[in-house]
Amino acid sequence: MIRLVKSRKKLIPMKLGVILESKDPETVWNALRFGVAGLGAGHTVHLFLMGGGVEITTLGNARYDVNSELTHFESAGGTVLACGTCLKNRQLTSSAACPAGTMTDCVDLVVWADKTVTF
C-alpha cells in the first residue's frame, strides 16, 4: 500500500493538462473535481474535451452534478477547449462552456503541460 504524506516543501506550481474523452457522468465529475483540486492547490489547469467528453454540458444526474462542477472549475480559473471535429460529429456547436478547438490545440496542451492526465 502506498501512503501519501504531505510534503513540507514549498509548493511549486505546475501546469496540468487534462484530456477528457468519457461521457460517463461519474468519470466527468471526477475529472472536473481533479481540476478544481489542482486549481485550489495553486496549479494552472486546462481541460481538453474529445470524443464523448464534448457532450459535457448534457451530462450529469442527481448524484454527479457535472454542470455545477464545470461552473466551479471555470470560476476557479480553469479553462476548457473542445475538439471541434468531435462537436461537429455530434451535431453540437461551440459554446461559452464548450468552445471549439483543434487537434493542434490538444497537441499544444500536451507540450505546454508539466503533467497530462486523461479521463
Protein backbone atom coordinates (compact mmCIF):
# COMPACT_ATOMS: atom_id res chain seq x y z
CA MET A 1 0.00 0.00 0.00
CA ILE A 2 1.26 3.45 -0.88
CA ARG A 3 0.92 6.02 1.85
CA LEU A 4 0.73 9.65 0.78
CA VAL A 5 2.42 12.12 3.09
CA LYS A 6 2.11 15.86 2.73
CA SER A 7 5.46 17.40 1.97
CA ARG A 8 6.74 20.30 3.99
CA LYS A 9 8.48 21.68 0.94
CA LYS A 10 7.21 24.81 -0.74
CA LEU A 11 4.67 24.08 -3.46
CA ILE A 12 5.97 24.52 -6.98
CA PRO A 13 3.00 25.46 -9.18
CA MET A 14 2.56 23.13 -12.11
CA LYS A 15 0.77 23.30 -15.44
CA LEU A 16 -1.73 20.43 -15.57
CA GLY A 17 -3.35 19.29 -18.80
CA VAL A 18 -6.50 17.19 -18.51
CA ILE A 19 -7.85 15.31 -21.52
CA LEU A 20 -11.42 14.10 -21.06
CA GLU A 21 -12.83 11.55 -23.53
CA SER A 22 -15.57 9.99 -21.42
CA LYS A 23 -19.23 10.87 -21.21
CA ASP A 24 -19.79 8.74 -18.10
CA PRO A 25 -21.17 11.23 -15.53
CA GLU A 26 -19.05 9.91 -12.64
CA THR A 27 -15.84 9.99 -14.68
CA VAL A 28 -16.56 13.50 -15.97
CA TRP A 29 -17.44 14.69 -12.47
CA ASN A 30 -14.18 13.25 -11.11
CA ALA A 31 -12.12 14.85 -13.88
CA LEU A 32 -13.62 18.23 -13.01
CA ARG A 33 -13.06 17.64 -9.28
CA PHE A 34 -9.42 16.82 -10.08
CA GLY A 35 -9.15 20.10 -11.96
CA VAL A 36 -10.73 22.07 -9.12
CA ALA A 37 -8.36 20.43 -6.62
CA GLY A 38 -5.39 21.33 -8.81
CA LEU A 39 -6.54 24.93 -9.13
CA GLY A 40 -7.10 25.09 -5.38
CA ALA A 41 -3.52 23.92 -4.83
CA GLY A 42 -2.21 26.78 -6.95
CA HIS A 43 -1.68 24.95 -10.24
CA THR A 44 -2.84 26.04 -13.69
CA VAL A 45 -5.30 23.58 -15.23
CA HIS A 46 -6.50 23.35 -18.82
CA LEU A 47 -9.14 20.82 -19.90
CA PHE A 48 -9.43 19.49 -23.46
CA LEU A 49 -12.61 17.61 -24.37
CA MET A 50 -12.55 14.86 -27.01
CA GLY A 51 -14.96 12.16 -28.14
CA GLY A 52 -17.89 11.80 -25.76
CA GLY A 53 -16.34 14.41 -23.47
CA VAL A 54 -17.61 17.18 -25.75
CA GLU A 55 -21.12 16.33 -24.52
CA ILE A 56 -20.15 17.67 -21.08
CA THR A 57 -22.97 20.23 -20.87
CA THR A 58 -25.61 17.49 -21.35
CA LEU A 59 -24.16 15.07 -18.80
CA GLY A 60 -24.77 14.58 -15.13
CA ASN A 61 -27.51 13.48 -12.83
CA ALA A 62 -28.67 13.98 -9.25
CA ARG A 63 -25.66 12.11 -7.89
CA TYR A 64 -22.99 13.61 -10.19
CA ASP A 65 -23.77 17.27 -10.77
CA VAL A 66 -21.49 17.82 -13.75
CA ASN A 67 -22.81 21.28 -14.65
CA SER A 68 -22.23 22.59 -11.12
CA GLU A 69 -18.71 21.14 -11.06
CA LEU A 70 -17.98 22.60 -14.52
CA THR A 71 -19.07 26.02 -13.26
CA HIS A 72 -16.88 25.56 -10.18
CA PHE A 73 -13.91 24.57 -12.39
CA GLU A 74 -14.29 27.61 -14.65
CA SER A 75 -14.91 30.06 -11.79
CA ALA A 76 -11.75 28.77 -10.08
CA GLY A 77 -9.76 29.73 -13.18
CA GLY A 78 -9.76 26.53 -15.22
CA THR A 79 -10.07 26.71 -18.98
CA VAL A 80 -11.95 24.39 -21.33
CA LEU A 81 -11.48 23.69 -25.03
CA ALA A 82 -13.31 21.04 -27.07
CA CYS A 83 -12.39 19.15 -30.21
CA GLY A 84 -14.26 20.95 -32.99
CA THR A 85 -14.49 17.83 -35.14
CA CYS A 86 -15.93 15.84 -32.22
CA LEU A 87 -18.54 18.58 -31.71
CA LYS A 88 -19.41 18.57 -35.41
CA ASN A 89 -19.70 14.76 -35.49
CA ARG A 90 -22.36 15.03 -32.78
CA GLN A 91 -24.17 17.98 -34.44
CA LEU A 92 -23.11 20.16 -31.46
CA THR A 93 -21.83 23.70 -31.71
CA SER A 94 -19.17 25.65 -29.90
CA SER A 95 -20.42 27.46 -26.80
CA ALA A 96 -19.01 29.54 -23.95
CA ALA A 97 -18.90 26.41 -21.76
CA CYS A 98 -17.50 24.26 -24.56
CA PRO A 99 -15.53 26.37 -27.07
CA ALA A 100 -14.25 24.59 -30.18
CA GLY A 101 -10.58 23.90 -30.69
CA THR A 102 -8.46 21.70 -32.92
CA MET A 103 -6.18 18.68 -32.61
CA THR A 104 -3.32 21.17 -32.79
CA ASP A 105 -4.71 22.77 -29.62
CA CYS A 106 -4.67 19.35 -27.95
CA VAL A 107 -1.05 18.79 -29.01
CA ASP A 108 -0.17 22.27 -27.74
CA LEU A 109 -1.79 21.41 -24.39
CA VAL A 110 0.33 18.27 -24.03
CA VAL A 111 3.51 20.15 -24.96
CA TRP A 112 2.64 23.03 -22.57
CA ALA A 113 1.74 20.86 -19.57
CA ASP A 114 4.20 19.66 -16.96
CA LYS A 115 1.86 16.68 -16.49
CA THR A 116 -1.06 15.44 -18.58
CA VAL A 117 -3.78 13.14 -17.26
CA THR A 118 -6.63 11.53 -19.13
CA PHE A 119 -10.11 10.56 -18.03
